[in-house]
Protein backbone atom coordinates (compact mmCIF):
# COMPACT_ATOMS: atom_id res chain seq x y z
CA MET A 1 -170.33 -69.80 -6.20
CA ALA A 2 -168.10 -67.66 -3.85
CA ASP A 3 -165.67 -69.19 -1.57
CA THR A 4 -166.58 -69.51 2.06
CA PRO A 5 -164.35 -67.59 4.27
CA ALA A 6 -161.97 -69.78 6.60
CA ASP A 7 -164.12 -68.74 9.57
CA GLY A 8 -167.25 -70.20 7.98
CA LYS A 9 -169.20 -66.82 8.10
CA ASP A 10 -171.06 -65.67 4.95
CA PRO A 11 -170.05 -62.03 4.43
CA LYS A 12 -173.62 -61.20 3.32
CA ASP A 13 -174.97 -62.54 6.55
CA THR A 14 -172.59 -60.63 8.59
CA ASP A 15 -173.39 -57.28 6.58
CA LYS A 16 -177.01 -57.96 7.02
CA LYS A 17 -176.74 -58.29 10.77
CA LEU A 18 -174.46 -55.21 10.97
CA ARG A 19 -177.00 -53.19 8.89
CA GLU A 20 -179.91 -54.30 11.15
CA ARG A 21 -177.81 -53.25 14.16
CA VAL A 22 -177.04 -49.91 12.70
CA ASP A 23 -180.48 -49.26 11.81
CA LYS A 24 -181.98 -50.27 15.05
CA LEU A 25 -179.43 -48.00 16.96
CA LEU A 26 -180.10 -45.00 14.62
CA ALA A 27 -183.82 -45.50 15.19
CA ARG A 28 -183.70 -45.27 18.94
CA ALA A 29 -184.91 -42.07 20.70
CA PRO A 30 -182.03 -40.18 22.80
CA SER A 31 -181.99 -41.42 26.28
CA ASP A 32 -182.28 -38.09 28.11
CA SER A 33 -181.93 -37.36 31.80
CA ARG A 34 -181.47 -34.33 34.05
CA GLY A 35 -178.89 -33.65 36.63
CA SER A 36 -177.05 -30.91 38.36
CA ILE A 37 -173.80 -30.24 39.97
CA THR A 38 -172.24 -27.37 41.99
CA LEU A 39 -168.85 -26.14 40.54
CA GLY A 40 -167.02 -22.90 41.32
CA GLY A 41 -169.80 -22.11 43.79
CA ARG A 42 -172.59 -22.30 41.09
CA ARG A 43 -175.26 -24.83 40.78
CA LEU A 44 -175.24 -26.12 37.09
CA ASP A 45 -178.45 -27.86 35.87
CA TYR A 46 -177.88 -29.93 32.85
CA THR A 47 -179.29 -32.29 30.28
CA ALA A 48 -177.43 -35.57 29.73
CA SER A 49 -178.30 -37.36 26.50
CA VAL A 50 -177.16 -40.65 25.01
CA ALA A 51 -177.78 -40.65 21.36
CA PHE A 52 -176.46 -42.38 18.03
CA VAL A 53 -175.24 -40.26 15.25
CA PRO A 54 -175.03 -41.60 11.69
CA VAL A 55 -171.85 -41.68 9.73
CA VAL A 56 -172.78 -40.61 6.11
CA ALA A 57 -169.61 -39.58 4.58
CA GLU A 58 -168.03 -39.65 1.08
CA GLY A 59 -165.52 -42.44 0.73
CA PHE A 60 -167.15 -45.05 2.88
CA ALA A 61 -169.30 -48.11 1.40
CA GLY A 62 -172.84 -47.74 0.33
CA THR A 63 -174.82 -45.00 -1.27
CA PRO A 64 -174.14 -41.45 -0.10
CA ALA A 65 -177.51 -41.11 1.83
CA GLU A 66 -177.05 -44.61 3.50
CA PRO A 67 -175.48 -44.41 6.83
CA GLN A 68 -172.33 -46.63 7.33
CA ALA A 69 -172.03 -46.49 11.10
CA ALA A 70 -174.02 -45.56 14.21
CA VAL A 71 -171.70 -43.74 16.57
CA MET A 72 -172.63 -43.17 20.27
CA THR A 73 -172.49 -39.80 21.68
CA THR A 74 -173.10 -38.83 25.52
CA SER A 75 -173.59 -35.19 25.87
CA TYR A 76 -174.01 -32.87 28.73
CA VAL A 77 -175.55 -29.48 27.93
CA LEU A 78 -176.10 -26.73 30.45
CA ASP A 79 -179.87 -25.67 30.99
CA GLY A 80 -181.15 -22.22 31.10
CA THR A 81 -178.32 -20.46 28.95
CA ASP A 82 -177.98 -19.42 25.38
CA ALA A 83 -176.41 -22.72 24.28
CA ALA A 84 -175.59 -21.29 20.80
CA THR A 85 -172.68 -19.47 22.19
CA ARG A 86 -171.61 -21.55 24.90
CA PRO A 87 -168.11 -23.24 24.33
CA LEU A 88 -168.37 -26.89 23.37
CA CYS A 89 -165.83 -29.65 23.92
CA PHE A 90 -165.86 -33.01 21.90
CA ALA A 91 -163.90 -35.73 23.72
CA PHE A 92 -162.50 -39.12 22.90
CA ASN A 93 -160.11 -41.75 24.29
CA GLY A 94 -157.69 -43.92 22.14
CA GLY A 95 -156.47 -47.38 21.91
CA PRO A 96 -157.24 -47.57 19.02
CA GLY A 97 -160.25 -49.52 20.39
CA SER A 98 -161.07 -47.64 23.42
CA ALA A 99 -164.42 -46.16 24.49
CA SER A 100 -164.54 -42.73 26.04
CA ILE A 101 -165.47 -43.62 29.60
CA TRP A 102 -161.99 -42.84 30.90
CA LEU A 103 -162.11 -39.10 30.15
CA HIS A 104 -166.12 -39.19 30.45
CA LEU A 105 -165.90 -40.73 34.05
CA GLY A 106 -162.38 -39.97 35.07
CA ALA A 107 -161.78 -36.27 34.48
CA LEU A 108 -164.16 -34.19 32.50
CA GLY A 109 -167.72 -35.19 33.17
CA PRO A 110 -170.02 -34.27 36.09
CA GLN A 111 -169.57 -37.61 37.70
CA ARG A 112 -166.32 -39.61 38.12
CA VAL A 113 -165.23 -42.97 39.37
CA VAL A 114 -162.93 -42.93 42.51
CA VAL A 115 -159.96 -45.22 42.48
CA PRO A 116 -157.02 -45.29 45.00
CA ASP A 117 -154.51 -42.48 44.38
CA ASP A 118 -151.47 -45.01 44.39
CA GLY A 119 -152.50 -46.89 41.25
CA SER A 120 -153.88 -49.97 43.06
CA MET A 121 -157.00 -51.70 42.40
CA PRO A 122 -160.25 -50.79 44.74
CA ARG A 123 -162.56 -53.24 46.01
CA ALA A 124 -166.07 -53.56 44.74
CA PRO A 125 -168.79 -52.18 44.53
CA TYR A 126 -167.82 -49.51 41.94
CA GLY A 127 -169.91 -46.41 41.12
CA VAL A 128 -169.64 -42.81 40.35
CA VAL A 129 -169.74 -39.69 42.53
CA ASP A 130 -170.15 -35.95 41.76
CA ASN A 131 -166.74 -34.62 40.18
CA PRO A 132 -165.86 -31.31 41.92
CA HIS A 133 -163.04 -30.89 39.21
CA SER A 134 -165.43 -31.40 36.08
CA TRP A 135 -164.76 -29.48 32.99
CA PHE A 136 -168.37 -28.81 32.71
CA GLU A 137 -167.82 -25.56 34.36
CA HIS A 138 -166.12 -24.34 31.12
CA PHE A 139 -168.07 -25.78 28.34
CA ASP A 140 -170.77 -28.28 27.25
CA MET A 141 -169.37 -31.69 26.43
CA VAL A 142 -169.94 -34.48 24.14
CA PHE A 143 -168.00 -37.87 24.57
CA ILE A 144 -167.78 -39.92 21.31
CA ASP A 145 -167.22 -43.73 21.14
CA PRO A 146 -165.73 -44.28 17.84
CA PRO A 147 -166.81 -47.12 15.39
CA HIS A 148 -166.55 -50.50 17.24
CA THR A 149 -165.95 -49.17 20.53
CA GLY A 150 -168.82 -48.78 23.23
CA TRP A 151 -171.87 -49.64 21.49
CA SER A 152 -170.88 -47.95 18.15
CA VAL A 153 -170.88 -50.08 15.05
CA CYS A 154 -170.30 -49.93 11.38
CA ALA A 155 -172.96 -51.22 8.83
CA SER A 156 -170.89 -53.46 6.87
CA GLU A 157 -167.41 -55.30 6.80
CA GLU A 158 -166.21 -53.00 4.04
CA ALA A 159 -167.22 -49.93 6.12
CA ARG A 160 -165.49 -51.47 9.15
CA LYS A 161 -162.20 -52.05 7.24
CA LYS A 162 -162.32 -48.24 6.03
CA MET A 163 -163.09 -46.72 9.56
CA LEU A 164 -160.65 -48.79 11.33
CA SER A 165 -157.62 -46.92 9.89
CA VAL A 166 -156.04 -43.59 10.76
CA ASP A 167 -157.66 -41.71 8.03
CA GLY A 168 -160.92 -43.41 8.07
CA ASP A 169 -161.17 -42.93 11.64
CA VAL A 170 -160.56 -39.14 11.40
CA ALA A 171 -163.09 -38.92 8.46
CA ALA A 172 -165.68 -40.82 10.44
CA LEU A 173 -165.39 -38.69 13.61
CA ALA A 174 -165.18 -35.57 11.57
CA GLU A 175 -168.68 -36.40 10.24
CA VAL A 176 -169.97 -37.19 13.55
CA MET A 177 -169.09 -33.80 14.96
CA ARG A 178 -170.31 -32.14 11.98
CA ALA A 179 -173.69 -33.98 12.15
CA TRP A 180 -173.98 -33.27 16.02
CA LEU A 181 -173.27 -29.58 15.49
CA THR A 182 -175.96 -29.41 12.91
CA ARG A 183 -178.47 -31.51 14.68
CA HIS A 184 -178.11 -29.31 17.82
CA ARG A 185 -177.74 -25.85 16.14
CA ARG A 186 -174.26 -25.43 17.73
CA TRP A 187 -172.18 -24.04 14.89
CA GLY A 188 -172.09 -20.86 16.89
CA SER A 189 -170.17 -22.29 19.79
CA PRO A 190 -166.48 -21.95 20.18
CA LEU A 191 -165.18 -25.48 19.64
CA TYR A 192 -162.75 -27.50 21.57
CA LEU A 193 -161.47 -31.07 20.97
CA ALA A 194 -159.97 -33.29 23.88
CA GLY A 195 -158.19 -36.60 23.13
CA GLU A 196 -156.28 -39.00 25.12
CA SER A 197 -153.45 -41.44 23.92
CA TYR A 198 -154.36 -42.60 20.54
CA GLY A 199 -157.05 -39.88 20.82
CA THR A 200 -154.15 -37.41 20.48
CA THR A 201 -153.22 -39.14 17.13
CA ARG A 202 -156.76 -38.59 15.90
CA GLY A 203 -157.09 -35.20 17.65
CA ALA A 204 -154.03 -33.79 15.91
CA ALA A 205 -155.28 -34.90 12.53
CA LEU A 206 -158.94 -33.77 13.44
CA ALA A 207 -157.67 -30.08 14.08
CA ALA A 208 -156.72 -29.86 10.43
CA LYS A 209 -159.57 -31.96 9.20
CA MET A 210 -162.20 -29.70 10.93
CA GLN A 211 -160.41 -26.64 9.52
CA ASP A 212 -160.88 -28.18 6.07
CA LEU A 213 -164.63 -28.55 6.94
CA GLY A 214 -164.85 -25.00 7.78
CA ALA A 215 -164.84 -25.40 11.51
CA ALA A 216 -162.06 -23.60 13.27
CA LEU A 217 -161.07 -24.86 16.69
CA SER A 218 -160.52 -22.55 19.63
CA GLY A 219 -158.47 -25.13 21.56
CA LEU A 220 -157.15 -28.52 21.44
CA VAL A 221 -156.28 -30.69 24.49
CA LEU A 222 -153.93 -33.57 24.14
CA ILE A 223 -153.62 -35.98 27.18
CA SER A 224 -150.77 -38.52 27.02
CA CYS A 225 -149.59 -37.80 23.59
CA ALA A 226 -149.06 -40.39 20.81
CA MET A 227 -148.81 -38.35 17.50
CA ASP A 228 -145.55 -39.91 16.53
CA LEU A 229 -145.68 -43.67 16.70
CA GLN A 230 -142.06 -43.82 15.77
CA SER A 231 -141.08 -42.47 19.13
CA LEU A 232 -143.09 -45.23 21.02
CA ASP A 233 -142.32 -48.44 19.02
CA PHE A 234 -139.45 -50.38 19.91
CA ALA A 235 -138.68 -52.01 16.50
CA PRO A 236 -135.43 -53.06 14.66
CA ALA A 237 -133.30 -49.99 13.43
CA ASN A 238 -135.55 -47.59 15.39
CA ASP A 239 -133.29 -46.33 18.18
CA LEU A 240 -135.52 -43.23 18.96
CA PRO A 241 -137.61 -44.68 21.69
CA TYR A 242 -134.53 -46.19 23.62
CA ALA A 243 -133.48 -42.49 24.04
CA LEU A 244 -136.81 -40.99 24.63
CA PHE A 245 -137.95 -43.61 27.25
CA LEU A 246 -134.74 -43.51 29.47
CA PRO A 247 -135.78 -40.47 31.42
CA ALA A 248 -139.18 -41.86 32.18
CA PHE A 249 -137.52 -45.24 33.21
CA ALA A 250 -135.16 -43.37 35.59
CA ASN A 251 -138.12 -41.46 37.01
CA VAL A 252 -140.01 -44.78 37.72
CA SER A 253 -136.86 -46.48 39.13
CA GLN A 254 -136.43 -43.65 41.56
CA TYR A 255 -139.97 -44.07 42.71
CA HIS A 256 -139.49 -47.81 43.37
CA GLY A 257 -136.28 -47.30 45.22
CA LEU A 258 -133.93 -48.69 42.67
CA LEU A 259 -131.52 -45.65 42.51
CA LYS A 260 -128.45 -44.72 44.70
CA GLY A 261 -126.82 -41.70 45.77
CA PRO A 262 -127.94 -38.21 44.55
CA LEU A 263 -130.18 -39.97 41.69
CA ALA A 264 -132.38 -41.37 44.62
CA GLU A 265 -132.89 -38.09 46.29
CA SER A 266 -135.79 -37.05 44.23
CA PRO A 267 -137.66 -37.92 40.97
CA ALA A 268 -136.72 -34.54 39.65
CA ALA A 269 -133.00 -35.46 40.20
CA ALA A 270 -133.41 -38.68 38.50
CA ARG A 271 -135.05 -37.31 35.56
CA ALA A 272 -132.70 -34.36 35.17
CA ALA A 273 -129.76 -36.64 35.19
CA ALA A 274 -131.33 -38.88 32.58
CA GLU A 275 -132.21 -36.13 30.32
CA ALA A 276 -128.66 -34.61 30.28
CA PHE A 277 -127.31 -38.14 29.66
CA VAL A 278 -129.41 -38.50 26.68
CA ASP A 279 -128.69 -35.14 25.22
CA GLU A 280 -124.75 -35.36 25.99
CA ASP A 281 -124.02 -38.93 25.33
CA TYR A 282 -126.67 -41.57 24.83
CA ALA A 283 -128.23 -40.41 21.75
CA ALA A 284 -124.86 -40.20 20.07
CA ALA A 285 -123.83 -43.73 21.29
CA LEU A 286 -126.87 -45.17 19.81
CA LEU A 287 -126.09 -43.47 16.52
CA ALA A 288 -122.60 -44.81 16.58
CA GLY A 289 -123.78 -48.43 17.06
CA ALA A 290 -120.81 -50.96 16.33
CA ARG A 291 -118.58 -48.04 15.89
CA LEU A 292 -118.62 -47.33 19.55
CA SER A 293 -115.27 -48.08 21.32
CA ASP A 294 -115.32 -50.67 24.23
CA LYS A 295 -114.16 -48.16 26.65
CA ARG A 296 -117.26 -45.73 25.84
CA ARG A 297 -119.61 -48.73 25.52
CA GLY A 298 -118.68 -49.67 28.94
CA LYS A 299 -119.23 -46.05 30.20
CA VAL A 300 -122.54 -45.95 28.52
CA ALA A 301 -123.72 -49.29 29.96
CA ARG A 302 -122.67 -48.26 33.51
CA ARG A 303 -124.57 -44.92 33.30
CA ILE A 304 -127.81 -46.74 32.07
CA ALA A 305 -127.59 -49.12 34.89
CA GLU A 306 -127.02 -46.36 37.38
CA LEU A 307 -130.21 -44.49 35.95
CA THR A 308 -132.54 -47.47 35.84
CA GLY A 309 -131.30 -49.82 38.53
CA LEU A 310 -130.87 -52.58 36.22
CA PRO A 311 -127.81 -54.76 36.14
CA GLN A 312 -125.03 -53.40 33.95
CA ALA A 313 -124.51 -57.00 32.67
CA PHE A 314 -128.12 -56.91 31.47
CA VAL A 315 -127.71 -53.56 29.91
CA GLU A 316 -124.57 -54.93 27.87
CA GLU A 317 -126.53 -58.02 26.99
CA LYS A 318 -129.21 -55.83 25.35
CA ASN A 319 -126.60 -53.75 23.46
CA LEU A 320 -127.34 -50.59 25.39
CA ARG A 321 -130.95 -50.77 24.43
CA ILE A 322 -133.55 -51.20 26.93
CA ALA A 323 -137.01 -51.55 25.58
CA ASP A 324 -140.13 -51.07 27.50
CA ALA A 325 -140.83 -54.79 27.87
CA ASP A 326 -137.22 -55.22 29.13
CA TYR A 327 -137.78 -52.69 31.88
CA PHE A 328 -141.30 -54.11 32.95
CA PHE A 329 -139.89 -57.51 33.63
CA GLU A 330 -136.45 -56.84 34.83
CA ALA A 331 -136.67 -53.76 36.84
CA LEU A 332 -138.49 -55.48 39.92
CA ARG A 333 -137.57 -59.21 39.08
CA ALA A 334 -135.84 -59.64 42.29
CA GLN A 335 -139.05 -58.88 44.01
CA GLY A 336 -141.09 -61.08 41.64
CA ARG A 337 -143.02 -58.10 40.27
CA ILE A 338 -143.89 -56.76 36.99
CA VAL A 339 -143.94 -52.97 36.57
CA GLY A 340 -147.13 -51.35 35.15
CA ARG A 341 -147.04 -49.89 31.59
CA LEU A 342 -149.91 -47.20 31.75
CA ASP A 343 -149.11 -46.41 35.47
CA ALA A 344 -145.65 -47.72 36.35
CA ARG A 345 -146.42 -46.84 40.14
CA GLY A 346 -148.47 -49.91 40.02
CA THR A 347 -147.04 -53.55 39.99
CA GLY A 348 -148.40 -56.89 39.66
CA PRO A 349 -147.01 -60.49 40.71
CA MET A 350 -144.96 -62.44 38.22
CA ALA A 351 -145.89 -66.15 37.69
CA ALA A 352 -144.22 -68.47 39.91
CA ARG A 353 -141.88 -69.49 36.93
CA ARG A 354 -140.86 -65.79 36.51
CA THR A 355 -141.62 -65.82 32.79
CA ARG A 356 -141.40 -62.96 30.55
CA ASP A 357 -144.76 -63.45 29.07
CA TRP A 358 -146.77 -60.26 29.08
CA GLU A 359 -150.15 -61.50 30.28
CA PHE A 360 -151.54 -58.20 31.86
CA ASP A 361 -150.60 -54.66 32.43
CA PRO A 362 -150.89 -54.03 36.11
CA GLY A 363 -151.34 -50.40 35.26
CA ILE A 364 -154.57 -50.81 33.30
CA GLU A 365 -155.92 -53.97 35.34
CA ALA A 366 -156.34 -51.74 38.48
CA ILE A 367 -158.90 -49.48 36.87
CA ALA A 368 -160.33 -51.42 33.87
CA ALA A 369 -162.98 -53.43 35.81
CA PRO A 370 -163.81 -50.52 38.12
CA TYR A 371 -164.35 -48.11 35.21
CA THR A 372 -166.39 -50.64 33.11
CA MET A 373 -168.58 -51.61 35.97
CA ALA A 374 -169.32 -48.21 37.23
CA ALA A 375 -169.94 -47.01 33.63
CA MET A 376 -172.36 -49.70 32.89
CA ASP A 377 -174.29 -48.88 36.08
CA HIS A 378 -174.15 -45.13 35.17
CA PHE A 379 -175.45 -45.67 31.68
CA GLY A 380 -178.30 -47.98 32.81
CA ARG A 381 -179.38 -46.50 36.15
CA THR A 382 -178.68 -42.72 35.67
CA LEU A 383 -178.71 -42.17 31.77
CA GLY A 384 -181.38 -44.66 31.04
CA VAL A 385 -179.62 -46.71 28.39
CA ASP A 386 -181.14 -50.31 28.25
CA LEU A 387 -179.07 -51.74 25.46
CA GLN A 388 -178.22 -55.52 26.02
CA GLU A 389 -175.37 -55.81 23.87
CA ARG A 390 -171.81 -55.68 24.99
CA TYR A 391 -170.27 -52.55 25.60
CA GLU A 392 -166.75 -52.51 24.27
CA THR A 393 -164.49 -50.73 26.80
CA LEU A 394 -161.27 -51.89 25.18
CA SER A 395 -161.79 -53.82 21.89
CA HIS A 396 -158.70 -55.89 21.21
CA ASP A 397 -160.39 -57.09 17.79
CA THR A 398 -160.49 -53.34 16.77
CA HIS A 399 -157.04 -52.69 17.81
CA LYS A 400 -155.73 -55.68 15.94
CA ALA A 401 -157.65 -54.68 12.81
CA TRP A 402 -156.32 -51.16 12.67
CA ASN A 403 -154.64 -49.97 9.46
CA TRP A 404 -151.74 -47.66 10.51
CA ASN A 405 -151.02 -46.49 7.12
CA ARG A 406 -151.97 -42.93 5.81
CA GLY A 407 -152.99 -41.88 2.35
CA GLU A 408 -151.83 -44.18 -0.40
CA ALA A 409 -149.06 -45.59 1.57
CA LYS A 410 -148.49 -49.26 1.83
CA GLY A 411 -146.54 -51.70 4.03
CA ASN A 412 -145.33 -50.89 7.56
CA GLN A 413 -145.41 -47.15 8.37
CA TYR A 414 -145.22 -45.14 11.44
CA ALA A 415 -148.41 -43.37 11.85
CA CYS A 416 -147.68 -39.66 12.31
CA THR A 417 -150.18 -36.88 12.68
CA SER A 418 -148.09 -34.09 14.14
CA PRO A 419 -147.61 -32.43 10.61
CA ASP A 420 -151.43 -32.24 10.57
CA LEU A 421 -151.27 -30.39 14.13
CA ALA A 422 -148.50 -28.01 13.00
CA ARG A 423 -150.40 -27.27 9.79
CA ALA A 424 -153.52 -26.48 11.86
CA LEU A 425 -151.60 -24.21 14.17
CA ARG A 426 -150.11 -22.31 11.30
CA ARG A 427 -153.43 -21.98 9.52
CA ASN A 428 -155.51 -20.81 12.62
CA PRO A 429 -153.87 -18.03 14.49
CA HIS A 430 -156.62 -18.41 17.49
CA LEU A 431 -155.84 -22.16 17.95
CA LYS A 432 -154.30 -23.01 21.33
CA LEU A 433 -152.81 -26.21 22.38
CA PHE A 434 -152.79 -27.92 25.91
CA VAL A 435 -150.83 -31.09 26.56
CA ALA A 436 -150.83 -33.00 29.67
CA SER A 437 -148.25 -35.92 30.56
CA GLY A 438 -148.03 -38.14 33.45
CA ARG A 439 -144.44 -38.69 34.86
CA TYR A 440 -145.31 -42.51 35.48
CA ASP A 441 -146.65 -43.32 32.03
CA LEU A 442 -144.63 -45.76 30.35
CA GLY A 443 -147.03 -46.00 27.32
CA THR A 444 -146.57 -42.50 26.08
CA PRO A 445 -143.80 -41.17 28.38
CA TYR A 446 -143.60 -37.63 29.12
CA SER A 447 -140.02 -37.48 27.55
CA ALA A 448 -141.29 -38.77 24.16
CA SER A 449 -144.02 -36.14 24.32
CA ASP A 450 -141.38 -33.58 24.95
CA TRP A 451 -139.61 -34.71 21.72
CA SER A 452 -142.89 -34.73 19.64
CA LEU A 453 -143.77 -31.30 20.45
CA ALA A 454 -140.24 -29.97 19.77
CA GLN A 455 -140.43 -31.39 16.34
CA LEU A 456 -143.48 -29.58 15.27
CA ASP A 457 -143.00 -27.69 12.07
CA ALA A 458 -143.91 -24.23 13.05
CA PRO A 459 -142.18 -20.96 13.82
CA ALA A 460 -141.56 -19.84 17.47
CA GLU A 461 -144.44 -17.44 17.59
CA VAL A 462 -146.84 -20.35 16.65
CA LEU A 463 -145.13 -22.66 19.07
CA GLY A 464 -145.77 -20.06 21.77
CA ARG A 465 -149.50 -21.12 21.82
CA ILE A 466 -148.55 -24.52 23.29
CA VAL A 467 -148.60 -25.17 26.93
CA HIS A 468 -147.24 -28.60 28.39
CA ARG A 469 -147.90 -29.55 31.92
CA TYR A 470 -146.74 -32.57 33.77
CA TYR A 471 -148.44 -34.73 36.53
CA ASP A 472 -147.24 -37.29 39.24
CA ALA A 473 -149.29 -40.32 38.02
CA GLY A 474 -149.57 -42.40 34.90
CA HIS A 475 -151.39 -42.31 31.58
CA MET A 476 -154.70 -41.43 33.21
CA MET A 477 -153.07 -38.98 35.62
CA TYR A 478 -156.59 -37.75 36.64
CA THR A 479 -156.98 -41.20 38.56
CA ARG A 480 -154.90 -39.51 41.26
CA SER A 481 -156.87 -37.02 43.12
CA ALA A 482 -154.19 -34.22 43.38
CA ASP A 483 -153.47 -34.39 39.84
CA LEU A 484 -157.16 -34.34 39.02
CA ALA A 485 -157.42 -31.01 40.69
CA GLN A 486 -154.17 -29.61 39.17
CA LEU A 487 -155.16 -30.72 35.70
CA LYS A 488 -158.55 -28.79 36.01
CA ALA A 489 -156.60 -25.86 37.46
CA ASP A 490 -154.10 -25.86 34.73
CA LEU A 491 -157.00 -26.07 32.22
CA ALA A 492 -158.71 -23.08 33.77
CA ALA A 493 -155.48 -21.07 33.48
CA TRP A 494 -155.01 -22.02 29.90
CA LEU A 495 -158.44 -21.05 28.94
CA GLN A 496 -158.22 -17.71 30.64
CA ASN A 497 -154.84 -16.83 29.09
C-alpha cells in the first residue's frame, strides 16, 4: 500500500479532481460579448471572448491527445475587418503566479482600472472605465492567464510540477498560442508578444520558442524587465544587484527628500551621480572586497550614504552592500514608514515596534484589491463569466512551487532567458524589441534593465532594433495617467518606425 502524503491527501483523489475541473473548463462555451471604444478619432467595435484553451504538448503527463491544462484567454477582436491580416498581440503578466489583469485592465485593454497617480490606494467602489490609451488601436489582443493563475489549472500534480517551471511554462504558453492561432485562423497576422515582470522572463524565451515552432514575431514588448535573475537576487557572493540597484535607490531617495545639495535638485541629478559612482568606483570596490583599504572604504561608504540618505554607520555595518530589504526598512525609518517595492513612491506604516518583518509591500497593496475587485466585476458583469471558483490574481503557492532551473540543470541556478532573446533577435532580422522601465520600480529597477540589455550577445546592428523608454512611476508605470499616455505614444512611434 502506498504511503499517505504528510498533508493527508491521496494523490489519486487530487488528480481526479484536477482532471474533472480541466474537463469542465474545456467543455465551456466561450463567453462572448460586444463592445466599442473610440481611439484615434475612430469608433472601434469589437468582440470580447473568454475561453479556455487546452494544453496538449509533448513532454507533459498523459497521452499526447489528452489535455494537461485548461488555460484561460481573454481576447478582443476588431469587428468588420479582415482579421486574418490584422496584427495580433498576446499578453501576459509575471510573478510567477500572476494573472494577466494588470496589463489587461491597466494599460492594453479597451477598459482600465483608475487608481491615484501618486501610488496611493483609492477608496471603493472599484470598477473599469474606457481606456483612451488602449493598444487595441494597433492590434487585436489576447490576454493569457498561465496555469494556476486566474482560473487556469493543470489536470494532474505531475503536469502542474512540469508547467510550474521556467521551461515548462514556456512550452505551455507556446502551445496555448499555437492552439489559439489555429482555432481562430490567425496564422496570417503579424504577431507581437507583451510581457511584464516575470512575463519578460517568459517573453524573452518565447521569442525563441515561437521561432522554433515556425512563428516569427514582428515585435516583442518587455515591461519591467526580469530576464536575468542574477541581477535582482541579493544572495551571498552575488554583488551584481548591489551595484545595479544603487541608481534606483538614489532616484527614490531624491523623491522622498532624503538627499542634500546638488543631489536633491532633481531625480535626474541623483540618478546621474549614482550611475557615475557605480561605473567609476563602486563596482570596483565591491570586487575588491576585503582588499579595500580603510581610507577607500570610508570614502565609498560616505558616498553611498550621500546617494541614498542612509546613515554612513549603517552603510559600513552592511559592508557597503545595501540590499533591497535594507532600503525598504531603513530609508524612512525615522518617519516610521516602509518604502514600497513595486512602486517606491508609495509607503506604508511600520508596526509600532518598528520591526524589520516584511509583512506587505505598500507598492502592490495600493492596487491589488482595486484591480482584483474591478476585474471580478468586469468578468462577471461585462464579459459574462459565471465561474464560482476563486480567481488567482497573485498565487503565492504557484510562486513558491516554481522550478527556476533550466534544461537539465540541478540545484540553485539563476534563471536567465536573455540568451534566448539575443538568439531570437539574431535569427529574425525583422524582430523589434520595445522595453519599458519605471524609475520608481525597486522590484526590477531601470538600472538593472539597462545592464541586462547591454549584455545581450548580439552585434550592434541587431541591438539597434531595441528601444528602451523610462517612466516616472513604478513597476506598473501605467497606473500613473501621464505615463499611461506616454507609454501608448512611445509604442505607437516604435510600431511606426
